[in-house]
């Protein structure tokens, strides 16, 4: 038997540290006091760590629901509660600014989460075409649409959207549909539409 010990055995650890995949990051964020805005028995509301607008919050259920495909009719009341919490926090923070409440058709992070986001898209974290299109095309699905699908069909079906194609869509203004050649031009253009209260 070898007398060589692994580093974790010397330190009294039961097994080596295994880094979590980045897609599980929301689970840590739900317990980060610097990000938590409010919570109740059902949800945690956090500031988005990489906001894509001046005001960008996530409402996450405490129940372990990984994505929209896992939802069923038993989740309808929870989703209504999530919607109300998102609406309340964004109205309180953003005042009279325009906002949307919705889900990405295919989320990159592994925990269901509602985005409550103002439509100014004024953020240094908004850098790529994929970021832009994930909030300004049909890839961003209104919260009420998800609830309605559950009520009518008992499940969420977004296959008709062809999500991967939506993310490749041309860059264009979400207000006037004017096409823009790149992100810096688009961000400069949308400032003319934004009323900064």
N, C-alpha and C. Protein backbone atom coordinates (compact mmCIF):
# COMPACT_ATOMS: atom_id res chain seq x y z
N UNK A 1 0.84 -1.18 0.00
CA UNK A 1 0.00 0.00 0.00
C UNK A 1 0.88 1.24 0.00
N UNK A 2 0.53 2.17 -0.82
CA UNK A 2 1.32 3.39 -0.97
C UNK A 2 1.16 4.30 0.25
N UNK A 3 2.25 4.96 0.64
CA UNK A 3 2.22 5.92 1.74
C UNK A 3 1.99 7.34 1.24
N UNK A 4 1.88 7.50 -0.06
CA UNK A 4 1.66 8.84 -0.63
C UNK A 4 0.21 9.23 -0.42
N UNK A 5 0.02 10.38 0.20
CA UNK A 5 -1.34 10.87 0.44
C UNK A 5 -1.66 11.98 -0.54
N UNK A 6 -2.88 11.99 -0.94
CA UNK A 6 -3.32 13.10 -1.76
C UNK A 6 -3.45 14.33 -0.90
N UNK A 7 -3.35 15.50 -1.53
CA UNK A 7 -3.40 16.76 -0.80
C UNK A 7 -4.65 16.86 0.06
N UNK A 8 -5.82 16.46 -0.46
CA UNK A 8 -7.06 16.60 0.29
C UNK A 8 -7.10 15.69 1.51
N UNK A 9 -6.37 14.58 1.48
CA UNK A 9 -6.33 13.69 2.64
C UNK A 9 -5.53 14.31 3.77
N UNK A 10 -4.42 14.99 3.40
CA UNK A 10 -3.61 15.67 4.41
C UNK A 10 -4.38 16.79 5.10
N UNK A 11 -5.26 17.43 4.37
CA UNK A 11 -5.99 18.57 4.91
C UNK A 11 -7.28 18.14 5.61
N UNK A 12 -7.51 16.85 5.70
CA UNK A 12 -8.69 16.36 6.39
C UNK A 12 -9.98 16.46 5.58
N UNK A 13 -9.86 16.72 4.29
CA UNK A 13 -11.05 16.78 3.45
C UNK A 13 -11.44 15.36 3.05
N UNK A 14 -12.73 15.14 2.90
CA UNK A 14 -13.18 13.81 2.55
C UNK A 14 -12.99 13.51 1.06
N UNK A 15 -13.03 14.54 0.23
CA UNK A 15 -12.79 14.33 -1.20
C UNK A 15 -12.28 15.63 -1.81
N UNK A 16 -11.66 15.55 -2.98
CA UNK A 16 -11.11 16.75 -3.60
C UNK A 16 -12.22 17.74 -3.95
N UNK A 17 -11.87 19.03 -3.92
CA UNK A 17 -12.81 20.09 -4.29
C UNK A 17 -13.13 19.98 -5.76
N UNK A 18 -14.40 20.03 -6.06
CA UNK A 18 -14.83 19.98 -7.45
C UNK A 18 -15.57 21.27 -7.76
N UNK A 19 -15.05 22.03 -8.69
CA UNK A 19 -15.64 23.32 -9.04
C UNK A 19 -16.98 23.09 -9.75
N UNK A 20 -17.99 23.89 -9.36
CA UNK A 20 -19.30 23.80 -9.98
C UNK A 20 -19.25 24.36 -11.39
N UNK A 21 -20.07 23.81 -12.26
CA UNK A 21 -20.18 24.33 -13.62
C UNK A 21 -20.80 25.72 -13.55
N UNK A 22 -20.39 26.62 -14.43
CA UNK A 22 -20.87 28.01 -14.41
C UNK A 22 -22.39 28.10 -14.51
N UNK A 23 -23.02 27.13 -15.15
CA UNK A 23 -24.48 27.19 -15.34
C UNK A 23 -25.24 27.01 -14.02
N UNK A 24 -24.54 26.57 -12.97
CA UNK A 24 -25.17 26.42 -11.65
C UNK A 24 -24.97 27.65 -10.76
N UNK A 25 -24.42 28.70 -11.32
CA UNK A 25 -24.08 29.89 -10.55
C UNK A 25 -25.24 30.57 -9.86
N UNK A 26 -26.44 30.42 -10.39
CA UNK A 26 -27.60 31.07 -9.75
C UNK A 26 -27.88 30.52 -8.36
N UNK A 27 -27.53 29.26 -8.14
CA UNK A 27 -27.75 28.67 -6.82
C UNK A 27 -26.92 29.39 -5.76
N UNK A 28 -25.68 29.74 -6.11
CA UNK A 28 -24.84 30.51 -5.18
C UNK A 28 -25.37 31.93 -5.04
N UNK A 29 -25.80 32.52 -6.14
CA UNK A 29 -26.31 33.90 -6.11
C UNK A 29 -27.53 34.03 -5.22
N UNK A 30 -28.32 32.97 -5.11
CA UNK A 30 -29.53 33.00 -4.28
C UNK A 30 -29.21 33.13 -2.79
N UNK A 31 -27.96 32.88 -2.42
CA UNK A 31 -27.57 32.98 -1.01
C UNK A 31 -26.56 34.11 -0.77
N UNK A 32 -26.28 34.88 -1.80
CA UNK A 32 -25.30 35.96 -1.70
C UNK A 32 -25.99 37.23 -1.18
N UNK A 33 -25.67 37.67 0.05
CA UNK A 33 -26.35 38.84 0.62
C UNK A 33 -26.13 40.12 -0.19
N UNK A 34 -25.06 40.18 -0.99
CA UNK A 34 -24.82 41.35 -1.82
C UNK A 34 -25.76 41.40 -3.03
N UNK A 35 -26.33 40.28 -3.39
CA UNK A 35 -27.22 40.23 -4.55
C UNK A 35 -28.70 40.16 -4.18
N UNK A 36 -29.02 39.59 -3.02
CA UNK A 36 -30.42 39.40 -2.63
C UNK A 36 -31.09 40.76 -2.39
N UNK A 37 -32.24 40.92 -3.03
CA UNK A 37 -33.03 42.14 -2.87
C UNK A 37 -34.16 41.88 -1.88
N UNK A 38 -34.83 40.76 -2.05
CA UNK A 38 -35.85 40.33 -1.10
C UNK A 38 -36.16 38.86 -1.34
N UNK A 39 -36.86 38.26 -0.37
CA UNK A 39 -37.27 36.87 -0.52
C UNK A 39 -38.46 36.59 0.37
N UNK A 40 -39.15 35.51 0.03
CA UNK A 40 -40.24 35.02 0.86
C UNK A 40 -40.14 33.50 0.91
N UNK A 41 -41.18 32.83 1.32
CA UNK A 41 -41.13 31.38 1.44
C UNK A 41 -40.99 30.67 0.09
N UNK A 42 -41.39 31.34 -1.00
CA UNK A 42 -41.43 30.70 -2.31
C UNK A 42 -40.32 31.13 -3.26
N UNK A 43 -39.86 32.38 -3.14
CA UNK A 43 -38.91 32.90 -4.13
C UNK A 43 -37.80 33.73 -3.48
N UNK A 44 -36.73 33.88 -4.25
CA UNK A 44 -35.65 34.82 -3.91
C UNK A 44 -35.51 35.76 -5.10
N UNK A 45 -35.46 37.06 -4.82
CA UNK A 45 -35.25 38.08 -5.86
C UNK A 45 -33.82 38.58 -5.70
N UNK A 46 -33.06 38.53 -6.80
CA UNK A 46 -31.68 38.99 -6.77
C UNK A 46 -31.43 40.00 -7.88
N UNK A 47 -30.39 40.82 -7.68
CA UNK A 47 -29.89 41.67 -8.76
C UNK A 47 -29.13 40.75 -9.70
N UNK A 48 -29.34 40.93 -11.00
CA UNK A 48 -28.57 40.15 -11.96
C UNK A 48 -27.10 40.53 -11.80
N UNK A 49 -26.25 39.52 -11.70
CA UNK A 49 -24.82 39.75 -11.50
C UNK A 49 -24.18 40.46 -12.69
N UNK A 50 -24.73 40.22 -13.87
CA UNK A 50 -24.25 40.84 -15.11
C UNK A 50 -25.45 41.51 -15.80
N UNK A 51 -25.94 42.60 -15.24
CA UNK A 51 -27.18 43.21 -15.74
C UNK A 51 -27.06 43.68 -17.18
N UNK A 52 -28.12 43.51 -17.92
CA UNK A 52 -28.15 43.95 -19.32
C UNK A 52 -28.92 45.25 -19.49
N UNK A 53 -29.31 45.88 -18.38
CA UNK A 53 -30.00 47.17 -18.39
C UNK A 53 -29.74 47.85 -17.06
N UNK A 54 -30.18 49.10 -16.93
CA UNK A 54 -29.98 49.83 -15.66
C UNK A 54 -30.60 49.08 -14.50
N UNK A 55 -31.77 48.49 -14.73
CA UNK A 55 -32.45 47.71 -13.70
C UNK A 55 -32.74 46.33 -14.25
N UNK A 56 -32.12 45.33 -13.64
CA UNK A 56 -32.26 43.95 -14.13
C UNK A 56 -32.22 43.02 -12.92
N UNK A 57 -33.36 42.41 -12.65
CA UNK A 57 -33.50 41.50 -11.51
C UNK A 57 -33.91 40.12 -11.99
N UNK A 58 -33.62 39.13 -11.16
CA UNK A 58 -34.05 37.76 -11.41
C UNK A 58 -34.91 37.31 -10.24
N UNK A 59 -36.02 36.66 -10.56
CA UNK A 59 -36.88 36.08 -9.53
C UNK A 59 -36.78 34.57 -9.69
N UNK A 60 -36.27 33.91 -8.64
CA UNK A 60 -36.01 32.48 -8.70
C UNK A 60 -36.85 31.74 -7.67
N UNK A 61 -37.48 30.64 -8.09
CA UNK A 61 -38.22 29.84 -7.11
C UNK A 61 -37.26 29.10 -6.19
N UNK A 62 -37.66 28.93 -4.95
CA UNK A 62 -36.84 28.13 -4.03
C UNK A 62 -36.99 26.64 -4.35
N UNK A 63 -38.12 26.30 -4.94
CA UNK A 63 -38.33 24.92 -5.40
C UNK A 63 -37.34 24.64 -6.53
N UNK A 64 -36.77 23.46 -6.55
CA UNK A 64 -35.76 23.11 -7.55
C UNK A 64 -36.41 22.79 -8.90
N UNK A 65 -36.62 23.83 -9.69
CA UNK A 65 -37.14 23.68 -11.05
C UNK A 65 -36.04 24.17 -11.98
N UNK A 66 -35.52 23.29 -12.81
CA UNK A 66 -34.35 23.65 -13.61
C UNK A 66 -34.67 24.55 -14.80
N UNK A 67 -35.82 24.31 -15.48
CA UNK A 67 -36.11 25.09 -16.68
C UNK A 67 -37.60 25.04 -17.02
N UNK A 68 -37.97 25.73 -18.08
CA UNK A 68 -39.38 25.82 -18.49
C UNK A 68 -39.98 24.46 -18.84
N UNK A 69 -39.19 23.56 -19.39
CA UNK A 69 -39.68 22.24 -19.79
C UNK A 69 -40.16 21.41 -18.60
N UNK A 70 -39.67 21.71 -17.43
CA UNK A 70 -40.03 20.96 -16.22
C UNK A 70 -41.35 21.42 -15.59
N UNK A 71 -41.91 22.50 -16.11
CA UNK A 71 -43.14 23.05 -15.53
C UNK A 71 -44.37 22.22 -15.90
N UNK A 72 -45.34 22.21 -15.00
CA UNK A 72 -46.63 21.58 -15.27
C UNK A 72 -47.72 22.37 -14.55
N UNK A 73 -48.94 21.89 -14.59
CA UNK A 73 -50.06 22.65 -14.02
C UNK A 73 -49.91 22.89 -12.52
N UNK A 74 -49.17 22.04 -11.84
CA UNK A 74 -48.98 22.24 -10.40
C UNK A 74 -48.14 23.49 -10.10
N UNK A 75 -47.48 24.05 -11.13
CA UNK A 75 -46.62 25.22 -10.94
C UNK A 75 -47.29 26.54 -11.30
N UNK A 76 -48.54 26.52 -11.71
CA UNK A 76 -49.21 27.74 -12.17
C UNK A 76 -49.24 28.82 -11.10
N UNK A 77 -49.66 28.45 -9.90
CA UNK A 77 -49.74 29.47 -8.83
C UNK A 77 -48.36 30.02 -8.49
N UNK A 78 -47.33 29.17 -8.51
CA UNK A 78 -45.97 29.62 -8.25
C UNK A 78 -45.55 30.64 -9.32
N UNK A 79 -45.84 30.34 -10.59
CA UNK A 79 -45.46 31.26 -11.66
C UNK A 79 -46.19 32.59 -11.55
N UNK A 80 -47.43 32.55 -11.12
CA UNK A 80 -48.17 33.80 -10.91
C UNK A 80 -47.52 34.61 -9.79
N UNK A 81 -47.09 33.92 -8.75
CA UNK A 81 -46.41 34.59 -7.63
C UNK A 81 -45.07 35.18 -8.10
N UNK A 82 -44.33 34.43 -8.90
CA UNK A 82 -43.06 34.90 -9.45
C UNK A 82 -43.30 36.17 -10.27
N UNK A 83 -44.34 36.15 -11.09
CA UNK A 83 -44.68 37.31 -11.93
C UNK A 83 -44.98 38.54 -11.06
N UNK A 84 -45.81 38.35 -10.05
CA UNK A 84 -46.18 39.47 -9.16
C UNK A 84 -44.95 40.03 -8.45
N UNK A 85 -44.06 39.16 -7.98
CA UNK A 85 -42.83 39.61 -7.31
C UNK A 85 -41.93 40.39 -8.27
N UNK A 86 -41.81 39.90 -9.49
CA UNK A 86 -41.00 40.59 -10.50
C UNK A 86 -41.56 41.96 -10.83
N UNK A 87 -42.86 42.02 -11.00
CA UNK A 87 -43.53 43.28 -11.31
C UNK A 87 -43.36 44.29 -10.17
N UNK A 88 -43.51 43.81 -8.96
CA UNK A 88 -43.40 44.68 -7.79
C UNK A 88 -41.98 45.26 -7.66
N UNK A 89 -40.96 44.43 -7.81
CA UNK A 89 -39.59 44.89 -7.60
C UNK A 89 -39.14 45.83 -8.71
N UNK A 90 -39.53 45.56 -9.95
CA UNK A 90 -39.08 46.42 -11.05
C UNK A 90 -39.81 47.76 -11.02
N UNK A 91 -41.10 47.75 -10.66
CA UNK A 91 -41.83 49.03 -10.56
C UNK A 91 -41.26 49.89 -9.45
N UNK A 92 -40.93 49.26 -8.34
CA UNK A 92 -40.38 49.97 -7.19
C UNK A 92 -39.01 50.58 -7.53
N UNK A 93 -38.17 49.82 -8.20
CA UNK A 93 -36.81 50.27 -8.49
C UNK A 93 -36.74 51.22 -9.68
N UNK A 94 -37.51 50.93 -10.70
CA UNK A 94 -37.35 51.63 -11.98
C UNK A 94 -38.30 52.81 -12.15
N UNK A 95 -39.18 53.02 -11.20
CA UNK A 95 -40.10 54.14 -11.34
C UNK A 95 -40.97 53.98 -12.58
N UNK A 96 -40.99 55.00 -13.42
CA UNK A 96 -41.85 54.97 -14.61
C UNK A 96 -41.20 54.40 -15.85
N UNK A 97 -40.02 53.83 -15.73
CA UNK A 97 -39.35 53.27 -16.92
C UNK A 97 -40.12 52.07 -17.48
N UNK A 98 -40.01 51.89 -18.79
CA UNK A 98 -40.60 50.70 -19.43
C UNK A 98 -39.80 49.47 -19.01
N UNK A 99 -40.51 48.37 -18.81
CA UNK A 99 -39.85 47.13 -18.42
C UNK A 99 -40.60 45.95 -19.02
N UNK A 100 -39.96 44.79 -18.98
CA UNK A 100 -40.59 43.54 -19.39
C UNK A 100 -40.29 42.48 -18.34
N UNK A 101 -41.20 41.52 -18.26
CA UNK A 101 -41.04 40.35 -17.40
C UNK A 101 -41.09 39.13 -18.30
N UNK A 102 -40.04 38.32 -18.28
CA UNK A 102 -40.07 37.16 -19.15
C UNK A 102 -38.95 36.17 -18.87
N UNK A 103 -39.00 35.11 -19.66
CA UNK A 103 -38.04 34.00 -19.56
C UNK A 103 -37.35 33.82 -20.90
N UNK A 104 -36.11 33.37 -20.88
CA UNK A 104 -35.46 32.99 -22.12
C UNK A 104 -36.03 31.65 -22.57
N UNK A 105 -36.29 31.52 -23.86
CA UNK A 105 -36.87 30.29 -24.40
C UNK A 105 -35.99 29.09 -24.04
N UNK A 106 -34.70 29.28 -24.11
CA UNK A 106 -33.74 28.26 -23.67
C UNK A 106 -32.75 28.99 -22.76
N UNK A 107 -32.84 28.74 -21.47
CA UNK A 107 -31.98 29.44 -20.52
C UNK A 107 -30.60 28.80 -20.45
N UNK A 108 -29.58 29.62 -20.26
CA UNK A 108 -28.22 29.09 -20.13
C UNK A 108 -27.91 28.69 -18.69
N UNK A 109 -28.66 29.24 -17.75
CA UNK A 109 -28.42 28.95 -16.33
C UNK A 109 -29.42 27.90 -15.82
N UNK A 110 -28.93 27.02 -14.98
CA UNK A 110 -29.74 25.90 -14.50
C UNK A 110 -30.48 26.22 -13.22
N UNK A 111 -31.52 26.97 -13.31
CA UNK A 111 -32.54 27.22 -12.29
C UNK A 111 -33.53 28.14 -12.98
N UNK A 112 -34.76 27.75 -12.96
CA UNK A 112 -35.78 28.59 -13.56
C UNK A 112 -35.66 30.00 -13.00
N UNK A 113 -35.73 31.01 -13.85
CA UNK A 113 -35.66 32.38 -13.38
C UNK A 113 -36.37 33.33 -14.32
N UNK A 114 -37.13 34.22 -13.71
CA UNK A 114 -37.82 35.28 -14.44
C UNK A 114 -36.91 36.50 -14.48
N UNK A 115 -36.80 37.10 -15.66
CA UNK A 115 -36.07 38.36 -15.79
C UNK A 115 -37.07 39.50 -15.64
N UNK A 116 -36.75 40.45 -14.78
CA UNK A 116 -37.48 41.71 -14.68
C UNK A 116 -36.47 42.76 -15.10
N UNK A 117 -36.68 43.34 -16.29
CA UNK A 117 -35.63 44.16 -16.90
C UNK A 117 -36.21 45.41 -17.57
N UNK A 118 -35.56 46.55 -17.30
CA UNK A 118 -35.98 47.78 -17.98
C UNK A 118 -35.52 47.73 -19.43
N UNK A 119 -36.17 48.52 -20.26
CA UNK A 119 -35.92 48.46 -21.70
C UNK A 119 -34.92 49.51 -22.19
N UNK A 120 -34.18 50.12 -21.27
CA UNK A 120 -33.13 51.08 -21.67
C UNK A 120 -31.89 50.36 -22.19
N UNK A 121 -31.66 49.14 -21.74
CA UNK A 121 -30.49 48.33 -22.12
C UNK A 121 -29.20 49.13 -22.00
N UNK A 122 -29.13 49.93 -20.97
CA UNK A 122 -27.96 50.76 -20.70
C UNK A 122 -27.08 50.03 -19.70
N UNK A 123 -26.12 49.26 -20.21
CA UNK A 123 -25.25 48.48 -19.34
C UNK A 123 -23.98 48.09 -20.06
N UNK A 124 -22.87 48.16 -19.34
CA UNK A 124 -21.59 47.74 -19.92
C UNK A 124 -21.54 46.22 -20.08
N UNK A 125 -22.45 45.49 -19.43
CA UNK A 125 -22.49 44.03 -19.54
C UNK A 125 -23.23 43.56 -20.81
N UNK A 126 -23.91 44.47 -21.47
CA UNK A 126 -24.60 44.14 -22.73
C UNK A 126 -23.58 44.34 -23.85
N UNK A 127 -22.97 43.26 -24.28
CA UNK A 127 -21.81 43.37 -25.18
C UNK A 127 -21.99 42.71 -26.54
N UNK A 128 -22.82 41.69 -26.61
CA UNK A 128 -22.84 40.88 -27.84
C UNK A 128 -24.23 40.83 -28.48
N UNK A 129 -24.22 40.43 -29.73
CA UNK A 129 -25.46 40.24 -30.47
C UNK A 129 -26.35 39.21 -29.77
N UNK A 130 -25.74 38.18 -29.23
CA UNK A 130 -26.49 37.15 -28.52
C UNK A 130 -27.18 37.73 -27.29
N UNK A 131 -26.45 38.56 -26.53
CA UNK A 131 -27.07 39.23 -25.38
C UNK A 131 -28.29 40.03 -25.83
N UNK A 132 -28.09 40.85 -26.86
CA UNK A 132 -29.16 41.73 -27.35
C UNK A 132 -30.38 40.92 -27.80
N UNK A 133 -30.13 39.95 -28.66
CA UNK A 133 -31.24 39.18 -29.22
C UNK A 133 -31.95 38.31 -28.18
N UNK A 134 -31.26 37.97 -27.11
CA UNK A 134 -31.90 37.15 -26.08
C UNK A 134 -32.95 37.94 -25.29
N UNK A 135 -32.93 39.27 -25.40
CA UNK A 135 -33.91 40.10 -24.71
C UNK A 135 -34.84 40.88 -25.64
N UNK A 136 -34.54 40.90 -26.94
CA UNK A 136 -35.31 41.76 -27.85
C UNK A 136 -35.98 41.03 -29.01
N UNK A 137 -35.86 39.71 -29.03
CA UNK A 137 -36.57 38.91 -30.05
C UNK A 137 -37.58 38.02 -29.32
N UNK A 138 -38.23 37.17 -30.07
CA UNK A 138 -39.20 36.24 -29.47
C UNK A 138 -38.53 35.20 -28.57
N UNK A 139 -37.19 35.20 -28.54
CA UNK A 139 -36.45 34.33 -27.63
C UNK A 139 -36.78 34.68 -26.18
N UNK A 140 -37.12 35.96 -25.95
CA UNK A 140 -37.53 36.42 -24.62
C UNK A 140 -39.06 36.31 -24.56
N UNK A 141 -39.54 35.34 -23.80
CA UNK A 141 -40.96 35.00 -23.79
C UNK A 141 -41.63 35.64 -22.57
N UNK A 142 -42.68 36.41 -22.84
CA UNK A 142 -43.40 37.10 -21.78
C UNK A 142 -43.90 36.12 -20.72
N UNK A 143 -43.79 36.52 -19.48
CA UNK A 143 -44.21 35.69 -18.35
C UNK A 143 -45.66 35.24 -18.48
N UNK A 144 -46.53 36.13 -18.93
CA UNK A 144 -47.96 35.79 -19.05
C UNK A 144 -48.21 34.75 -20.13
N UNK A 145 -47.36 34.72 -21.15
CA UNK A 145 -47.47 33.70 -22.21
C UNK A 145 -47.17 32.32 -21.62
N UNK A 146 -46.15 32.23 -20.78
CA UNK A 146 -45.78 30.96 -20.15
C UNK A 146 -46.92 30.47 -19.26
N UNK A 147 -47.47 31.37 -18.46
CA UNK A 147 -48.58 31.00 -17.56
C UNK A 147 -49.78 30.53 -18.37
N UNK A 148 -50.09 31.24 -19.46
CA UNK A 148 -51.23 30.87 -20.31
C UNK A 148 -51.03 29.49 -20.93
N UNK A 149 -49.81 29.21 -21.40
CA UNK A 149 -49.54 27.88 -21.98
C UNK A 149 -49.78 26.78 -20.95
N UNK A 150 -49.32 27.00 -19.73
CA UNK A 150 -49.53 26.01 -18.68
C UNK A 150 -51.02 25.81 -18.40
N UNK A 151 -51.75 26.91 -18.33
CA UNK A 151 -53.18 26.82 -18.05
C UNK A 151 -53.94 26.10 -19.17
N UNK A 152 -53.56 26.36 -20.41
CA UNK A 152 -54.27 25.79 -21.56
C UNK A 152 -53.78 24.42 -21.99
N UNK A 153 -52.46 24.18 -21.87
CA UNK A 153 -51.87 22.94 -22.40
C UNK A 153 -51.26 22.02 -21.34
N UNK A 154 -51.11 22.54 -20.12
CA UNK A 154 -50.51 21.74 -19.06
C UNK A 154 -49.00 21.64 -19.15
N UNK A 155 -48.40 22.32 -20.13
CA UNK A 155 -46.94 22.32 -20.29
C UNK A 155 -46.53 23.53 -21.11
N UNK A 156 -45.23 23.77 -21.15
CA UNK A 156 -44.67 24.86 -21.94
C UNK A 156 -44.03 24.26 -23.18
N UNK A 157 -44.42 24.75 -24.35
CA UNK A 157 -43.86 24.27 -25.61
C UNK A 157 -43.43 25.48 -26.44
N UNK A 158 -42.12 25.65 -26.56
CA UNK A 158 -41.58 26.79 -27.29
C UNK A 158 -40.81 26.35 -28.54
N UNK A 159 -41.00 25.10 -28.94
CA UNK A 159 -40.26 24.57 -30.09
C UNK A 159 -40.54 25.37 -31.37
N UNK A 160 -41.74 25.93 -31.47
CA UNK A 160 -42.12 26.70 -32.66
C UNK A 160 -41.24 27.94 -32.86
N UNK A 161 -40.55 28.37 -31.81
CA UNK A 161 -39.75 29.59 -31.90
C UNK A 161 -38.43 29.43 -32.65
N UNK A 162 -37.89 28.22 -32.71
CA UNK A 162 -36.56 27.97 -33.27
C UNK A 162 -35.53 28.88 -32.60
N UNK A 163 -35.32 28.69 -31.28
CA UNK A 163 -34.48 29.60 -30.49
C UNK A 163 -33.09 29.89 -31.04
N UNK A 164 -32.43 28.88 -31.57
CA UNK A 164 -31.06 29.11 -32.05
C UNK A 164 -31.03 30.11 -33.21
N UNK A 165 -32.05 30.11 -34.04
CA UNK A 165 -32.11 31.06 -35.15
C UNK A 165 -32.41 32.48 -34.65
N UNK A 166 -33.23 32.59 -33.61
CA UNK A 166 -33.56 33.91 -33.07
C UNK A 166 -32.32 34.63 -32.56
N UNK A 167 -31.40 33.89 -31.97
CA UNK A 167 -30.19 34.51 -31.45
C UNK A 167 -29.26 35.01 -32.56
N UNK A 168 -29.47 34.51 -33.77
CA UNK A 168 -28.65 34.93 -34.92
C UNK A 168 -29.29 36.07 -35.70
N UNK A 169 -30.45 36.52 -35.28
CA UNK A 169 -31.18 37.57 -36.00
C UNK A 169 -30.32 38.83 -36.13
N UNK A 170 -30.65 39.64 -37.15
CA UNK A 170 -29.94 40.90 -37.36
C UNK A 170 -30.09 41.81 -36.15
N UNK A 171 -29.09 42.62 -35.92
CA UNK A 171 -29.18 43.62 -34.86
C UNK A 171 -30.11 44.73 -35.31
N UNK A 172 -31.15 44.95 -34.52
CA UNK A 172 -32.03 46.07 -34.84
C UNK A 172 -32.61 46.64 -33.56
N UNK A 173 -32.97 47.90 -33.65
CA UNK A 173 -33.51 48.62 -32.50
C UNK A 173 -34.83 47.99 -32.08
N UNK A 174 -35.02 47.81 -30.79
CA UNK A 174 -36.24 47.21 -30.25
C UNK A 174 -37.41 48.19 -30.23
N UNK A 175 -37.15 49.46 -30.52
CA UNK A 175 -38.20 50.47 -30.53
C UNK A 175 -38.66 50.78 -31.95
N UNK A 176 -37.70 51.08 -32.84
CA UNK A 176 -38.06 51.52 -34.20
C UNK A 176 -37.69 50.52 -35.29
N UNK A 177 -37.09 49.40 -34.93
CA UNK A 177 -36.69 48.35 -35.87
C UNK A 177 -35.57 48.75 -36.84
N UNK A 178 -34.93 49.89 -36.64
CA UNK A 178 -33.83 50.29 -37.52
C UNK A 178 -32.66 49.34 -37.32
N UNK A 179 -32.16 48.80 -38.43
CA UNK A 179 -31.03 47.86 -38.37
C UNK A 179 -29.75 48.62 -38.05
N UNK A 180 -28.88 47.94 -37.28
CA UNK A 180 -27.60 48.52 -36.90
C UNK A 180 -26.50 47.52 -37.21
N UNK A 181 -25.34 48.02 -37.60
CA UNK A 181 -24.24 47.14 -38.03
C UNK A 181 -23.50 46.44 -36.92
N UNK A 182 -23.46 47.04 -35.73
CA UNK A 182 -22.73 46.43 -34.63
C UNK A 182 -23.28 46.95 -33.29
N UNK A 183 -22.81 46.36 -32.22
CA UNK A 183 -23.33 46.72 -30.89
C UNK A 183 -23.05 48.17 -30.50
N UNK A 184 -21.85 48.72 -30.72
CA UNK A 184 -21.65 50.13 -30.36
C UNK A 184 -22.62 51.07 -31.08
N UNK A 185 -22.86 50.82 -32.37
CA UNK A 185 -23.80 51.65 -33.12
C UNK A 185 -25.21 51.49 -32.57
N UNK A 186 -25.60 50.27 -32.27
CA UNK A 186 -26.93 50.01 -31.73
C UNK A 186 -27.11 50.70 -30.38
N UNK A 187 -26.12 50.57 -29.51
CA UNK A 187 -26.24 51.19 -28.18
C UNK A 187 -26.30 52.71 -28.27
N UNK A 188 -25.56 53.30 -29.21
CA UNK A 188 -25.63 54.75 -29.40
C UNK A 188 -27.01 55.13 -29.93
N UNK A 189 -27.53 54.32 -30.85
CA UNK A 189 -28.84 54.61 -31.45
C UNK A 189 -29.97 54.55 -30.42
N UNK A 190 -29.99 53.53 -29.57
CA UNK A 190 -31.14 53.37 -28.68
C UNK A 190 -31.22 54.46 -27.61
N UNK A 191 -30.12 55.17 -27.39
CA UNK A 191 -30.17 56.26 -26.41
C UNK A 191 -31.17 57.34 -26.80
N UNK A 192 -31.43 57.49 -28.09
CA UNK A 192 -32.39 58.50 -28.54
C UNK A 192 -33.82 58.13 -28.14
N UNK A 193 -34.08 56.87 -27.87
CA UNK A 193 -35.42 56.41 -27.49
C UNK A 193 -35.64 56.36 -26.00
N UNK A 194 -34.55 56.41 -25.25
CA UNK A 194 -34.66 56.17 -23.81
C UNK A 194 -34.85 57.48 -23.05
N UNK A 195 -35.89 57.52 -22.27
CA UNK A 195 -36.11 58.65 -21.35
C UNK A 195 -35.49 58.24 -20.03
N UNK A 196 -34.48 58.97 -19.63
CA UNK A 196 -33.80 58.62 -18.38
C UNK A 196 -34.40 59.41 -17.23
N UNK A 197 -35.30 58.78 -16.50
CA UNK A 197 -35.99 59.45 -15.41
C UNK A 197 -35.07 59.74 -14.25
